[in-house]
Amino acid sequence: MVIGSLGDVAFYVEPDKIKTIRRMSWNSSAKYSSHDRHMNRPKREFTGLDDDAIQFRMRLSAFLGVNPMDDIRKLFHYERSGTTLPLVVGTRAWGKFRWVILSQNRDIEQFDREGDLLAVDLNISLGAYT
């Protein structure tokens, strides 16, 4: 069953394959300027919004029926080409527009005896593309 996707990188749970996200956080913030005033406290002024950001972890493991390098190559290409991607979890698209991959951290867990990657934890940081 498909749980969601980032572009064409699907998140799913099937009897012989598992690829899901975890520890997802969605950050948003407002921007303010502070204006000094003579003999008074500074005055704060709302100047707009910062771009939203989403972070999540994803485990890719051959032991869970997934080829980790397939998705690593796709995500690497998306990041390096500046591709904008929809993020869908469940039946809901997250954010107002699309997202770009700002950074990835790959915690490599295991290799086989030929040096092929067996398991990796990805930390993905997305920024809103507005």
C-alpha atoms as a PDB file:
ATOM      1  CA  MET A   1       0.000   0.000   0.000  1.00  0.00           C
ATOM      2  CA  VAL A   2       1.398   3.380  -1.006  1.00  0.00           C
ATOM      3  CA  ILE A   3       1.613   5.779   1.930  1.00  0.00           C
ATOM      4  CA  GLY A   4       2.927   8.788   0.040  1.00  0.00           C
ATOM      5  CA  SER A   5       5.712  10.107  -2.164  1.00  0.00           C
ATOM      6  CA  LEU A   6       8.321  12.764  -2.759  1.00  0.00           C
ATOM      7  CA  GLY A   7       8.231  13.210  -6.522  1.00  0.00           C
ATOM      8  CA  ASP A   8       8.444   9.682  -7.897  1.00  0.00           C
ATOM      9  CA  VAL A   9      10.135   8.272  -4.772  1.00  0.00           C
ATOM     10  CA  ALA A  10       7.220   6.379  -3.236  1.00  0.00           C
ATOM     11  CA  PHE A  11       6.755   5.498   0.447  1.00  0.00           C
ATOM     12  CA  TYR A  12       4.964   2.178   0.884  1.00  0.00           C
ATOM     13  CA  VAL A  13       4.343  -0.950   2.919  1.00  0.00           C
ATOM     14  CA  GLU A  14       3.882  -4.227   1.071  1.00  0.00           C
ATOM     15  CA  PRO A  15       4.183  -7.820   2.262  1.00  0.00           C
ATOM     16  CA  ASP A  16       7.763  -8.095   0.958  1.00  0.00           C
ATOM     17  CA  LYS A  17       8.845  -4.408   0.794  1.00  0.00           C
ATOM     18  CA  ILE A  18       8.896  -1.533   3.266  1.00  0.00           C
ATOM     19  CA  LYS A  19       9.970   2.039   2.568  1.00  0.00           C
ATOM     20  CA  THR A  20       8.486   4.644   4.890  1.00  0.00           C
ATOM     21  CA  ILE A  21       9.398   7.994   6.393  1.00  0.00           C
ATOM     22  CA  ARG A  22       9.716   8.746  10.094  1.00  0.00           C
ATOM     23  CA  ARG A  23      10.449  11.621  12.431  1.00  0.00           C
ATOM     24  CA  MET A  24       8.936  14.165  10.073  1.00  0.00           C
ATOM     25  CA  SER A  25       8.926  17.764  11.252  1.00  0.00           C
ATOM     26  CA  TRP A  26       7.445  20.812   9.542  1.00  0.00           C
ATOM     27  CA  ASN A  27       8.953  24.163  10.510  1.00  0.00           C
ATOM     28  CA  SER A  28       7.617  27.611   9.769  1.00  0.00           C
ATOM     29  CA  SER A  29       8.556  31.029  11.078  1.00  0.00           C
ATOM     30  CA  ALA A  30       7.766  34.693  10.741  1.00  0.00           C
ATOM     31  CA  LYS A  31      10.239  37.531  10.141  1.00  0.00           C
ATOM     32  CA  TYR A  32      10.343  40.645  12.290  1.00  0.00           C
ATOM     33  CA  SER A  33      12.477  43.775  12.314  1.00  0.00           C
ATOM     34  CA  SER A  34      13.317  45.568  15.508  1.00  0.00           C
ATOM     35  CA  HIS A  35      13.347  49.386  15.448  1.00  0.00           C
ATOM     36  CA  ASP A  36      15.153  51.283  18.195  1.00  0.00           C
ATOM     37  CA  ARG A  37      13.202  54.107  19.793  1.00  0.00           C
ATOM     38  CA  HIS A  38      14.665  56.931  21.823  1.00  0.00           C
ATOM     39  CA  MET A  39      14.196  56.357  25.540  1.00  0.00           C
ATOM     40  CA  ASN A  40      11.785  53.513  24.921  1.00  0.00           C
ATOM     41  CA  ARG A  41      11.765  49.804  24.216  1.00  0.00           C
ATOM     42  CA  PRO A  42      12.406  48.704  20.637  1.00  0.00           C
ATOM     43  CA  LYS A  43       9.378  48.390  18.378  1.00  0.00           C
ATOM     44  CA  ARG A  44       8.926  45.072  16.594  1.00  0.00           C
ATOM     45  CA  GLU A  45       7.471  45.062  13.073  1.00  0.00           C
ATOM     46  CA  PHE A  46       6.172  42.041  11.165  1.00  0.00           C
ATOM     47  CA  THR A  47       7.957  41.962   7.798  1.00  0.00           C
ATOM     48  CA  GLY A  48       6.812  38.651   6.305  1.00  0.00           C
ATOM     49  CA  LEU A  49       7.286  34.911   6.437  1.00  0.00           C
ATOM     50  CA  ASP A  50      10.306  32.677   6.094  1.00  0.00           C
ATOM     51  CA  ASP A  51      10.042  29.682   3.787  1.00  0.00           C
ATOM     52  CA  ASP A  52       8.666  26.547   5.400  1.00  0.00           C
ATOM     53  CA  ALA A  53      10.999  23.600   5.889  1.00  0.00           C
ATOM     54  CA  ILE A  54      10.369  19.887   6.310  1.00  0.00           C
ATOM     55  CA  GLN A  55      12.801  17.290   7.597  1.00  0.00           C
ATOM     56  CA  PHE A  56      12.317  13.552   7.759  1.00  0.00           C
ATOM     57  CA  ARG A  57      14.245  10.297   7.962  1.00  0.00           C
ATOM     58  CA  MET A  58      13.919   7.369   5.622  1.00  0.00           C
ATOM     59  CA  ARG A  59      15.447   3.902   6.020  1.00  0.00           C
ATOM     60  CA  LEU A  60      16.413   2.124   2.809  1.00  0.00           C
ATOM     61  CA  SER A  61      17.381  -1.491   3.273  1.00  0.00           C
ATOM     62  CA  ALA A  62      17.868  -4.481   1.022  1.00  0.00           C
ATOM     63  CA  PHE A  63      16.609  -6.525   4.000  1.00  0.00           C
ATOM     64  CA  LEU A  64      13.278  -4.705   3.603  1.00  0.00           C
ATOM     65  CA  GLY A  65      13.088  -5.464  -0.135  1.00  0.00           C
ATOM     66  CA  VAL A  66      14.468  -2.144  -1.410  1.00  0.00           C
ATOM     67  CA  ASN A  67      17.563  -1.336  -3.481  1.00  0.00           C
ATOM     68  CA  PRO A  68      18.973   1.653  -1.540  1.00  0.00           C
ATOM     69  CA  MET A  69      21.087   2.979  -4.419  1.00  0.00           C
ATOM     70  CA  ASP A  70      18.062   3.378  -6.714  1.00  0.00           C
ATOM     71  CA  ASP A  71      16.477   5.985  -4.454  1.00  0.00           C
ATOM     72  CA  ILE A  72      19.794   7.577  -3.477  1.00  0.00           C
ATOM     73  CA  ARG A  73      20.514   8.233  -7.166  1.00  0.00           C
ATOM     74  CA  LYS A  74      17.050   9.757  -7.729  1.00  0.00           C
ATOM     75  CA  LEU A  75      17.234  11.983  -4.653  1.00  0.00           C
ATOM     76  CA  PHE A  76      20.806  13.036  -5.502  1.00  0.00           C
ATOM     77  CA  HIS A  77      19.675  14.028  -9.001  1.00  0.00           C
ATOM     78  CA  TYR A  78      16.709  15.994  -7.609  1.00  0.00           C
ATOM     79  CA  GLU A  79      18.959  17.879  -5.204  1.00  0.00           C
ATOM     80  CA  ARG A  80      21.692  18.665  -7.754  1.00  0.00           C
ATOM     81  CA  SER A  81      19.290  19.709 -10.520  1.00  0.00           C
ATOM     82  CA  GLY A  82      17.028  21.857  -8.318  1.00  0.00           C
ATOM     83  CA  THR A  83      13.970  19.809  -9.277  1.00  0.00           C
ATOM     84  CA  THR A  84      10.773  20.926  -7.537  1.00  0.00           C
ATOM     85  CA  LEU A  85       8.807  18.052  -6.039  1.00  0.00           C
ATOM     86  CA  PRO A  86       5.370  17.513  -4.559  1.00  0.00           C
ATOM     87  CA  LEU A  87       5.324  15.902  -1.113  1.00  0.00           C
ATOM     88  CA  VAL A  88       2.308  13.679  -0.470  1.00  0.00           C
ATOM     89  CA  VAL A  89       1.628  11.763   2.735  1.00  0.00           C
ATOM     90  CA  GLY A  90      -1.595   9.799   2.862  1.00  0.00           C
ATOM     91  CA  THR A  91      -4.122  11.638   0.720  1.00  0.00           C
ATOM     92  CA  ARG A  92      -2.755  15.088   1.541  1.00  0.00           C
ATOM     93  CA  ALA A  93      -0.240  17.180  -0.373  1.00  0.00           C
ATOM     94  CA  TRP A  94       1.951  19.034   2.142  1.00  0.00           C
ATOM     95  CA  GLY A  95       2.663  22.717   1.731  1.00  0.00           C
ATOM     96  CA  LYS A  96       1.174  25.289  -0.605  1.00  0.00           C
ATOM     97  CA  PHE A  97       3.496  24.650  -3.525  1.00  0.00           C
ATOM     98  CA  ARG A  98       6.330  22.253  -4.240  1.00  0.00           C
ATOM     99  CA  TRP A  99       9.519  21.479  -2.336  1.00  0.00           C
ATOM    100  CA  VAL A 100      13.221  21.357  -3.182  1.00  0.00           C
ATOM    101  CA  ILE A 101      15.799  19.149  -1.505  1.00  0.00           C
ATOM    102  CA  LEU A 102      18.101  21.474   0.425  1.00  0.00           C
ATOM    103  CA  SER A 103      20.311  18.781   1.907  1.00  0.00           C
ATOM    104  CA  GLN A 104      20.703  15.072   2.486  1.00  0.00           C
ATOM    105  CA  ASN A 105      22.692  13.221   5.070  1.00  0.00           C
ATOM    106  CA  ARG A 106      23.308   9.524   4.471  1.00  0.00           C
ATOM    107  CA  ASP A 107      24.159   7.380   7.495  1.00  0.00           C
ATOM    108  CA  ILE A 108      25.475   4.250   5.818  1.00  0.00           C
ATOM    109  CA  GLU A 109      24.794   1.153   7.880  1.00  0.00           C
ATOM    110  CA  GLN A 110      25.892  -1.935   5.925  1.00  0.00           C
ATOM    111  CA  PHE A 111      27.636  -3.189   2.810  1.00  0.00           C
ATOM    112  CA  ASP A 112      27.789  -6.702   1.409  1.00  0.00           C
ATOM    113  CA  ARG A 113      31.130  -8.410   0.727  1.00  0.00           C
ATOM    114  CA  GLU A 114      31.285  -6.928  -2.797  1.00  0.00           C
ATOM    115  CA  GLY A 115      30.869  -3.409  -1.430  1.00  0.00           C
ATOM    116  CA  ASP A 116      27.231  -2.998  -2.497  1.00  0.00           C
ATOM    117  CA  LEU A 117      25.150  -0.847  -0.196  1.00  0.00           C
ATOM    118  CA  LEU A 118      22.652  -2.867   1.855  1.00  0.00           C
ATOM    119  CA  ALA A 119      21.237  -0.384   4.367  1.00  0.00           C
ATOM    120  CA  VAL A 120      21.260   3.383   4.825  1.00  0.00           C
ATOM    121  CA  ASP A 121      19.374   5.968   6.877  1.00  0.00           C
ATOM    122  CA  LEU A 122      18.647   9.157   4.937  1.00  0.00           C
ATOM    123  CA  ASN A 123      18.019  12.508   6.602  1.00  0.00           C
ATOM    124  CA  ILE A 124      16.250  14.724   4.055  1.00  0.00           C
ATOM    125  CA  SER A 125      15.756  18.489   4.431  1.00  0.00           C
ATOM    126  CA  LEU A 126      13.223  20.160   2.147  1.00  0.00           C
ATOM    127  CA  GLY A 127      12.602  23.842   1.578  1.00  0.00           C
ATOM    128  CA  ALA A 128       9.398  25.347   0.229  1.00  0.00           C
ATOM    129  CA  TYR A 129       9.729  26.497  -3.358  1.00  0.00           C
ATOM    130  CA  THR A 130       7.696  29.668  -3.694  1.00  0.00           C
END
